[in-house]
């Protein structure tokens, strides 16, 4: 494989980039405020918006998660968590 273009991003550009994950919530750690979707560990905090449509977090939930990369810690932080049908 040969790259035809390389784009270098600043920390602010990387941090503002949105990521999206879909899958079943596993390995919930309520003390560390983390969970796993498809081998990706995501963090959540007081700013995370939850739209669970009446479901209980995280009992067998399949979710869509929007996240951002915290460039200071290298962690994926969920900005929105919503149940999927």
PDB file of N, CA and C in Angstrom:
ATOM      1  N   UNK A   1       0.841  -1.158   0.000  1.00  0.00           N
ATOM      2  CA  UNK A   1       0.000   0.000   0.000  1.00  0.00           C
ATOM      3  C   UNK A   1       0.895   1.232   0.000  1.00  0.00           C
ATOM      4  N   UNK A   2       0.549   2.202  -0.825  1.00  0.00           N
ATOM      5  CA  UNK A   2       1.284   3.458  -0.896  1.00  0.00           C
ATOM      6  C   UNK A   2       0.307   4.595  -0.659  1.00  0.00           C
ATOM      7  N   UNK A   3       0.637   5.445   0.287  1.00  0.00           N
ATOM      8  CA  UNK A   3      -0.233   6.585   0.594  1.00  0.00           C
ATOM      9  C   UNK A   3      -0.129   7.621  -0.514  1.00  0.00           C
ATOM     10  N   UNK A   4      -1.270   8.130  -0.924  1.00  0.00           N
ATOM     11  CA  UNK A   4      -1.266   9.181  -1.933  1.00  0.00           C
ATOM     12  C   UNK A   4      -1.415  10.559  -1.285  1.00  0.00           C
ATOM     13  N   UNK A   5      -1.813  10.557   0.004  1.00  0.00           N
ATOM     14  CA  UNK A   5      -1.994  11.815   0.714  1.00  0.00           C
ATOM     15  C   UNK A   5      -1.890  11.560   2.206  1.00  0.00           C
ATOM     16  N   UNK A   6      -1.290  12.489   2.919  1.00  0.00           N
ATOM     17  CA  UNK A   6      -1.191  12.409   4.372  1.00  0.00           C
ATOM     18  C   UNK A   6      -1.743  13.700   4.937  1.00  0.00           C
ATOM     19  N   UNK A   7      -2.645  13.580   5.880  1.00  0.00           N
ATOM     20  CA  UNK A   7      -3.274  14.738   6.498  1.00  0.00           C
ATOM     21  C   UNK A   7      -2.866  14.762   7.965  1.00  0.00           C
ATOM     22  N   UNK A   8      -2.182  15.795   8.383  1.00  0.00           N
ATOM     23  CA  UNK A   8      -1.745  15.935   9.768  1.00  0.00           C
ATOM     24  C   UNK A   8      -2.735  16.844  10.481  1.00  0.00           C
ATOM     25  N   UNK A   9      -3.259  16.355  11.625  1.00  0.00           N
ATOM     26  CA  UNK A   9      -4.260  17.106  12.371  1.00  0.00           C
ATOM     27  C   UNK A   9      -3.666  17.609  13.682  1.00  0.00           C
ATOM     28  N   UNK A  10      -4.149  18.762  14.097  1.00  0.00           N
ATOM     29  CA  UNK A  10      -3.754  19.301  15.395  1.00  0.00           C
ATOM     30  C   UNK A  10      -4.497  18.547  16.496  1.00  0.00           C
ATOM     31  N   UNK A  11      -4.066  18.699  17.732  1.00  0.00           N
ATOM     32  CA  UNK A  11      -4.758  18.064  18.858  1.00  0.00           C
ATOM     33  C   UNK A  11      -6.209  18.519  18.928  1.00  0.00           C
ATOM     34  N   UNK A  12      -6.466  19.807  18.660  1.00  0.00           N
ATOM     35  CA  UNK A  12      -7.839  20.320  18.700  1.00  0.00           C
ATOM     36  C   UNK A  12      -8.697  19.671  17.620  1.00  0.00           C
ATOM     37  N   UNK A  13      -8.152  19.458  16.426  1.00  0.00           N
ATOM     38  CA  UNK A  13      -8.905  18.815  15.349  1.00  0.00           C
ATOM     39  C   UNK A  13      -9.221  17.365  15.689  1.00  0.00           C
ATOM     40  N   UNK A  14      -8.257  16.672  16.267  1.00  0.00           N
ATOM     41  CA  UNK A  14      -8.479  15.278  16.657  1.00  0.00           C
ATOM     42  C   UNK A  14      -9.528  15.209  17.747  1.00  0.00           C
ATOM     43  N   UNK A  15      -9.435  16.108  18.735  1.00  0.00           N
ATOM     44  CA  UNK A  15     -10.370  16.087  19.857  1.00  0.00           C
ATOM     45  C   UNK A  15     -11.795  16.403  19.416  1.00  0.00           C
ATOM     46  N   UNK A  16     -11.958  17.232  18.381  1.00  0.00           N
ATOM     47  CA  UNK A  16     -13.304  17.591  17.930  1.00  0.00           C
ATOM     48  C   UNK A  16     -13.894  16.562  16.961  1.00  0.00           C
ATOM     49  N   UNK A  17     -13.077  15.598  16.522  1.00  0.00           N
ATOM     50  CA  UNK A  17     -13.556  14.572  15.597  1.00  0.00           C
ATOM     51  C   UNK A  17     -14.518  13.633  16.313  1.00  0.00           C
ATOM     52  N   UNK A  18     -15.612  13.328  15.667  1.00  0.00           N
ATOM     53  CA  UNK A  18     -16.613  12.445  16.276  1.00  0.00           C
ATOM     54  C   UNK A  18     -16.410  11.010  15.812  1.00  0.00           C
ATOM     55  N   UNK A  19     -16.633  10.078  16.716  1.00  0.00           N
ATOM     56  CA  UNK A  19     -16.581   8.652  16.429  1.00  0.00           C
ATOM     57  C   UNK A  19     -17.953   8.074  16.742  1.00  0.00           C
ATOM     58  N   UNK A  20     -18.321   6.997  16.060  1.00  0.00           N
ATOM     59  CA  UNK A  20     -19.609   6.362  16.304  1.00  0.00           C
ATOM     60  C   UNK A  20     -19.408   4.859  16.427  1.00  0.00           C
ATOM     61  N   UNK A  21     -20.031   4.278  17.455  1.00  0.00           N
ATOM     62  CA  UNK A  21     -19.932   2.849  17.722  1.00  0.00           C
ATOM     63  C   UNK A  21     -21.335   2.272  17.845  1.00  0.00           C
ATOM     64  N   UNK A  22     -21.515   1.046  17.378  1.00  0.00           N
ATOM     65  CA  UNK A  22     -22.784   0.335  17.490  1.00  0.00           C
ATOM     66  C   UNK A  22     -22.487  -1.043  18.054  1.00  0.00           C
ATOM     67  N   UNK A  23     -23.261  -1.470  19.041  1.00  0.00           N
ATOM     68  CA  UNK A  23     -23.070  -2.818  19.555  1.00  0.00           C
ATOM     69  C   UNK A  23     -23.646  -3.008  20.941  1.00  0.00           C
ATOM     70  N   UNK A  24     -23.421  -4.199  21.457  1.00  0.00           N
ATOM     71  CA  UNK A  24     -23.896  -4.603  22.773  1.00  0.00           C
ATOM     72  C   UNK A  24     -22.919  -4.121  23.843  1.00  0.00           C
ATOM     73  N   UNK A  25     -23.458  -3.491  24.884  1.00  0.00           N
ATOM     74  CA  UNK A  25     -22.633  -3.014  25.992  1.00  0.00           C
ATOM     75  C   UNK A  25     -22.119  -4.216  26.780  1.00  0.00           C
ATOM     76  N   UNK A  26     -20.816  -4.233  27.068  1.00  0.00           N
ATOM     77  CA  UNK A  26     -20.243  -5.282  27.913  1.00  0.00           C
ATOM     78  C   UNK A  26     -19.205  -4.653  28.839  1.00  0.00           C
ATOM     79  N   UNK A  27     -18.780  -5.423  29.805  1.00  0.00           N
ATOM     80  CA  UNK A  27     -17.711  -5.032  30.738  1.00  0.00           C
ATOM     81  C   UNK A  27     -17.946  -3.660  31.363  1.00  0.00           C
ATOM     82  N   UNK A  28     -19.180  -3.410  31.796  1.00  0.00           N
ATOM     83  CA  UNK A  28     -19.485  -2.137  32.452  1.00  0.00           C
ATOM     84  C   UNK A  28     -18.767  -2.052  33.788  1.00  0.00           C
ATOM     85  N   UNK A  29     -18.072  -0.949  34.032  1.00  0.00           N
ATOM     86  CA  UNK A  29     -17.420  -0.670  35.308  1.00  0.00           C
ATOM     87  C   UNK A  29     -17.950   0.682  35.781  1.00  0.00           C
ATOM     88  N   UNK A  30     -18.926   0.660  36.694  1.00  0.00           N
ATOM     89  CA  UNK A  30     -19.566   1.900  37.121  1.00  0.00           C
ATOM     90  C   UNK A  30     -18.646   2.771  37.978  1.00  0.00           C
ATOM     91  N   UNK A  31     -17.650   2.168  38.634  1.00  0.00           N
ATOM     92  CA  UNK A  31     -16.709   2.973  39.416  1.00  0.00           C
ATOM     93  C   UNK A  31     -15.754   3.730  38.503  1.00  0.00           C
ATOM     94  N   UNK A  32     -15.226   3.053  37.478  1.00  0.00           N
ATOM     95  CA  UNK A  32     -14.321   3.707  36.531  1.00  0.00           C
ATOM     96  C   UNK A  32     -15.093   4.471  35.458  1.00  0.00           C
ATOM     97  N   UNK A  33     -16.409   4.216  35.384  1.00  0.00           N
ATOM     98  CA  UNK A  33     -17.295   4.823  34.388  1.00  0.00           C
ATOM     99  C   UNK A  33     -16.827   4.481  32.967  1.00  0.00           C
ATOM    100  N   UNK A  34     -16.651   3.182  32.754  1.00  0.00           N
ATOM    101  CA  UNK A  34     -16.242   2.678  31.449  1.00  0.00           C
ATOM    102  C   UNK A  34     -17.139   1.515  31.035  1.00  0.00           C
ATOM    103  N   UNK A  35     -17.163   1.241  29.746  1.00  0.00           N
ATOM    104  CA  UNK A  35     -17.832   0.066  29.200  1.00  0.00           C
ATOM    105  C   UNK A  35     -17.151  -0.276  27.882  1.00  0.00           C
ATOM    106  N   UNK A  36     -17.459  -1.446  27.368  1.00  0.00           N
ATOM    107  CA  UNK A  36     -16.810  -1.923  26.152  1.00  0.00           C
ATOM    108  C   UNK A  36     -17.866  -2.190  25.091  1.00  0.00           C
ATOM    109  N   UNK A  37     -17.559  -1.788  23.869  1.00  0.00           N
ATOM    110  CA  UNK A  37     -18.339  -2.142  22.690  1.00  0.00           C
ATOM    111  C   UNK A  37     -17.345  -2.591  21.637  1.00  0.00           C
ATOM    112  N   UNK A  38     -17.490  -3.843  21.191  1.00  0.00           N
ATOM    113  CA  UNK A  38     -16.644  -4.403  20.122  1.00  0.00           C
ATOM    114  C   UNK A  38     -15.148  -4.176  20.377  1.00  0.00           C
ATOM    115  N   UNK A  39     -14.707  -4.489  21.565  1.00  0.00           N
ATOM    116  CA  UNK A  39     -13.310  -4.397  21.975  1.00  0.00           C
ATOM    117  C   UNK A  39     -12.784  -2.971  22.139  1.00  0.00           C
ATOM    118  N   UNK A  40     -13.653  -1.972  22.096  1.00  0.00           N
ATOM    119  CA  UNK A  40     -13.255  -0.585  22.349  1.00  0.00           C
ATOM    120  C   UNK A  40     -13.755  -0.193  23.725  1.00  0.00           C
ATOM    121  N   UNK A  41     -12.858   0.297  24.562  1.00  0.00           N
ATOM    122  CA  UNK A  41     -13.241   0.780  25.876  1.00  0.00           C
ATOM    123  C   UNK A  41     -13.616   2.251  25.757  1.00  0.00           C
ATOM    124  N   UNK A  42     -14.825   2.553  26.219  1.00  0.00           N
ATOM    125  CA  UNK A  42     -15.321   3.924  26.194  1.00  0.00           C
ATOM    126  C   UNK A  42     -15.562   4.401  27.611  1.00  0.00           C
ATOM    127  N   UNK A  43     -15.347   5.665  27.830  1.00  0.00           N
ATOM    128  CA  UNK A  43     -15.578   6.295  29.121  1.00  0.00           C
ATOM    129  C   UNK A  43     -16.836   7.142  29.024  1.00  0.00           C
ATOM    130  N   UNK A  44     -17.524   7.325  30.135  1.00  0.00           N
ATOM    131  CA  UNK A  44     -18.644   8.251  30.179  1.00  0.00           C
ATOM    132  C   UNK A  44     -18.502   9.122  31.414  1.00  0.00           C
ATOM    133  N   UNK A  45     -19.148  10.295  31.377  1.00  0.00           N
ATOM    134  CA  UNK A  45     -19.042  11.223  32.498  1.00  0.00           C
ATOM    135  C   UNK A  45     -20.368  11.955  32.678  1.00  0.00           C
ATOM    136  N   UNK A  46     -20.378  12.971  33.520  1.00  0.00           N
ATOM    137  CA  UNK A  46     -21.611  13.711  33.803  1.00  0.00           C
ATOM    138  C   UNK A  46     -22.141  14.441  32.567  1.00  0.00           C
ATOM    139  N   UNK A  47     -21.295  14.713  31.589  1.00  0.00           N
ATOM    140  CA  UNK A  47     -21.720  15.417  30.382  1.00  0.00           C
ATOM    141  C   UNK A  47     -22.295  14.468  29.319  1.00  0.00           C
ATOM    142  N   UNK A  48     -22.170  13.163  29.522  1.00  0.00           N
ATOM    143  CA  UNK A  48     -22.683  12.193  28.554  1.00  0.00           C
ATOM    144  C   UNK A  48     -24.212  12.219  28.558  1.00  0.00           C
ATOM    145  N   UNK A  49     -24.803  12.359  27.364  1.00  0.00           N
ATOM    146  CA  UNK A  49     -26.268  12.357  27.229  1.00  0.00           C
ATOM    147  C   UNK A  49     -26.738  10.924  27.020  1.00  0.00           C
ATOM    148  N   UNK A  50     -27.688  10.487  27.834  1.00  0.00           N
ATOM    149  CA  UNK A  50     -28.260   9.145  27.725  1.00  0.00           C
ATOM    150  C   UNK A  50     -29.684   9.246  27.182  1.00  0.00           C
ATOM    151  N   UNK A  51     -29.996   8.452  26.165  1.00  0.00           N
ATOM    152  CA  UNK A  51     -31.360   8.346  25.641  1.00  0.00           C
ATOM    153  C   UNK A  51     -31.645   6.858  25.520  1.00  0.00           C
ATOM    154  N   UNK A  52     -32.086   6.266  26.626  1.00  0.00           N
ATOM    155  CA  UNK A  52     -32.234   4.815  26.703  1.00  0.00           C
ATOM    156  C   UNK A  52     -33.663   4.343  26.450  1.00  0.00           C
ATOM    157  N   UNK A  53     -34.562   5.251  26.130  1.00  0.00           N
ATOM    158  CA  UNK A  53     -35.943   4.905  25.796  1.00  0.00           C
ATOM    159  C   UNK A  53     -36.580   4.007  26.863  1.00  0.00           C
ATOM    160  N   UNK A  54     -36.344   4.318  28.132  1.00  0.00           N
ATOM    161  CA  UNK A  54     -36.945   3.576  29.224  1.00  0.00           C
ATOM    162  C   UNK A  54     -36.188   2.336  29.660  1.00  0.00           C
ATOM    163  N   UNK A  55     -35.132   1.970  28.955  1.00  0.00           N
ATOM    164  CA  UNK A  55     -34.343   0.786  29.328  1.00  0.00           C
ATOM    165  C   UNK A  55     -33.473   1.107  30.546  1.00  0.00           C
ATOM    166  N   UNK A  56     -33.044   0.072  31.236  1.00  0.00           N
ATOM    167  CA  UNK A  56     -32.150   0.233  32.378  1.00  0.00           C
ATOM    168  C   UNK A  56     -30.710   0.089  31.901  1.00  0.00           C
ATOM    169  N   UNK A  57     -29.873   1.025  32.284  1.00  0.00           N
ATOM    170  CA  UNK A  57     -28.456   1.012  31.904  1.00  0.00           C
ATOM    171  C   UNK A  57     -27.762  -0.056  32.685  1.00  0.00           C
ATOM    172  N   UNK A  58     -27.052  -0.945  32.102  1.00  0.00           N
ATOM    173  CA  UNK A  58     -26.849  -1.299  30.706  1.00  0.00           C
ATOM    174  C   UNK A  58     -27.430  -2.661  30.368  1.00  0.00           C
ATOM    175  N   UNK A  59     -28.434  -3.106  31.082  1.00  0.00           N
ATOM    176  CA  UNK A  59     -28.907  -4.476  30.961  1.00  0.00           C
ATOM    177  C   UNK A  59     -29.150  -4.893  29.519  1.00  0.00           C
ATOM    178  N   UNK A  60     -28.252  -5.704  28.987  1.00  0.00           N
ATOM    179  CA  UNK A  60     -28.364  -6.250  27.630  1.00  0.00           C
ATOM    180  C   UNK A  60     -28.746  -5.203  26.589  1.00  0.00           C
ATOM    181  N   UNK A  61     -28.118  -4.048  26.659  1.00  0.00           N
ATOM    182  CA  UNK A  61     -28.457  -2.981  25.726  1.00  0.00           C
ATOM    183  C   UNK A  61     -27.585  -3.018  24.484  1.00  0.00           C
ATOM    184  N   UNK A  62     -28.236  -2.897  23.344  1.00  0.00           N
ATOM    185  CA  UNK A  62     -27.528  -2.626  22.104  1.00  0.00           C
ATOM    186  C   UNK A  62     -27.676  -1.129  21.878  1.00  0.00           C
ATOM    187  N   UNK A  63     -26.548  -0.458  21.727  1.00  0.00           N
ATOM    188  CA  UNK A  63     -26.564   1.002  21.701  1.00  0.00           C
ATOM    189  C   UNK A  63     -25.812   1.566  20.499  1.00  0.00           C
ATOM    190  N   UNK A  64     -26.108   2.825  20.249  1.00  0.00           N
ATOM    191  CA  UNK A  64     -25.302   3.652  19.343  1.00  0.00           C
ATOM    192  C   UNK A  64     -24.625   4.674  20.234  1.00  0.00           C
ATOM    193  N   UNK A  65     -23.313   4.795  20.109  1.00  0.00           N
ATOM    194  CA  UNK A  65     -22.561   5.708  20.948  1.00  0.00           C
ATOM    195  C   UNK A  65     -21.807   6.690  20.064  1.00  0.00           C
ATOM    196  N   UNK A  66     -21.975   7.952  20.363  1.00  0.00           N
ATOM    197  CA  UNK A  66     -21.160   8.983  19.731  1.00  0.00           C
ATOM    198  C   UNK A  66     -20.089   9.343  20.749  1.00  0.00           C
ATOM    199  N   UNK A  67     -18.860   9.453  20.289  1.00  0.00           N
ATOM    200  CA  UNK A  67     -17.753   9.682  21.214  1.00  0.00           C
ATOM    201  C   UNK A  67     -16.737  10.633  20.600  1.00  0.00           C
ATOM    202  N   UNK A  68     -15.893  11.147  21.464  1.00  0.00           N
ATOM    203  CA  UNK A  68     -14.776  11.987  21.028  1.00  0.00           C
ATOM    204  C   UNK A  68     -13.504  11.443  21.666  1.00  0.00           C
ATOM    205  N   UNK A  69     -12.385  11.773  21.077  1.00  0.00           N
ATOM    206  CA  UNK A  69     -11.100  11.362  21.625  1.00  0.00           C
ATOM    207  C   UNK A  69     -10.566  12.486  22.496  1.00  0.00           C
ATOM    208  N   UNK A  70     -10.296  12.188  23.754  1.00  0.00           N
ATOM    209  CA  UNK A  70      -9.685  13.162  24.648  1.00  0.00           C
ATOM    210  C   UNK A  70      -8.189  13.105  24.395  1.00  0.00           C
ATOM    211  N   UNK A  71      -7.663  14.133  23.741  1.00  0.00           N
ATOM    212  CA  UNK A  71      -6.253  14.093  23.334  1.00  0.00           C
ATOM    213  C   UNK A  71      -5.297  14.133  24.516  1.00  0.00           C
ATOM    214  N   UNK A  72      -5.743  14.639  25.671  1.00  0.00           N
ATOM    215  CA  UNK A  72      -4.846  14.689  26.830  1.00  0.00           C
ATOM    216  C   UNK A  72      -4.678  13.319  27.489  1.00  0.00           C
ATOM    217  N   UNK A  73      -5.712  12.451  27.370  1.00  0.00           N
ATOM    218  CA  UNK A  73      -5.638  11.131  28.003  1.00  0.00           C
ATOM    219  C   UNK A  73      -5.583   9.995  26.979  1.00  0.00           C
ATOM    220  N   UNK A  74      -5.966  10.294  25.731  1.00  0.00           N
ATOM    221  CA  UNK A  74      -6.024   9.257  24.703  1.00  0.00           C
ATOM    222  C   UNK A  74      -7.235   8.356  24.843  1.00  0.00           C
ATOM    223  N   UNK A  75      -8.216   8.762  25.668  1.00  0.00           N
ATOM    224  CA  UNK A  75      -9.395   7.943  25.923  1.00  0.00           C
ATOM    225  C   UNK A  75     -10.562   8.379  25.041  1.00  0.00           C
ATOM    226  N   UNK A  76     -11.379   7.398  24.650  1.00  0.00           N
ATOM    227  CA  UNK A  76     -12.621   7.685  23.949  1.00  0.00           C
ATOM    228  C   UNK A  76     -13.681   7.999  24.989  1.00  0.00           C
ATOM    229  N   UNK A  77     -14.291   9.181  24.880  1.00  0.00           N
ATOM    230  CA  UNK A  77     -15.293   9.621  25.848  1.00  0.00           C
ATOM    231  C   UNK A  77     -16.641   9.723  25.144  1.00  0.00           C
ATOM    232  N   UNK A  78     -17.628   8.994  25.656  1.00  0.00           N
ATOM    233  CA  UNK A  78     -18.962   9.009  25.065  1.00  0.00           C
ATOM    234  C   UNK A  78     -19.610  10.361  25.300  1.00  0.00           C
ATOM    235  N   UNK A  79     -20.132  10.950  24.236  1.00  0.00           N
ATOM    236  CA  UNK A  79     -20.877  12.201  24.362  1.00  0.00           C
ATOM    237  C   UNK A  79     -22.371  11.925  24.340  1.00  0.00           C
ATOM    238  N   UNK A  80     -22.773  10.831  23.685  1.00  0.00           N
ATOM    239  CA  UNK A  80     -24.190  10.447  23.611  1.00  0.00           C
ATOM    240  C   UNK A  80     -24.308   8.935  23.526  1.00  0.00           C
ATOM    241  N   UNK A  81     -25.225   8.371  24.297  1.00  0.00           N
ATOM    242  CA  UNK A  81     -25.498   6.933  24.281  1.00  0.00           C
ATOM    243  C   UNK A  81     -27.000   6.772  24.079  1.00  0.00           C
ATOM    244  N   UNK A  82     -27.370   6.044  23.027  1.00  0.00           N
ATOM    245  CA  UNK A  82     -28.781   5.853  22.689  1.00  0.00           C
ATOM    246  C   UNK A  82     -29.035   4.388  22.361  1.00  0.00           C
ATOM    247  N   UNK A  83     -30.154   3.859  22.856  1.00  0.00           N
ATOM    248  CA  UNK A  83     -30.502   2.464  22.559  1.00  0.00           C
ATOM    249  C   UNK A  83     -30.869   2.337  21.087  1.00  0.00           C
ATOM    250  N   UNK A  84     -30.573   1.154  20.538  1.00  0.00           N
ATOM    251  CA  UNK A  84     -30.951   0.841  19.165  1.00  0.00           C
ATOM    252  C   UNK A  84     -32.026  -0.216  19.188  1.00  0.00           C
ATOM    253  N   UNK A  85     -32.863  -0.227  18.173  1.00  0.00           N
ATOM    254  CA  UNK A  85     -33.924  -1.230  18.075  1.00  0.00           C
ATOM    255  C   UNK A  85     -33.367  -2.573  17.703  1.00  0.00           C
TER     256      UNK A  85
END
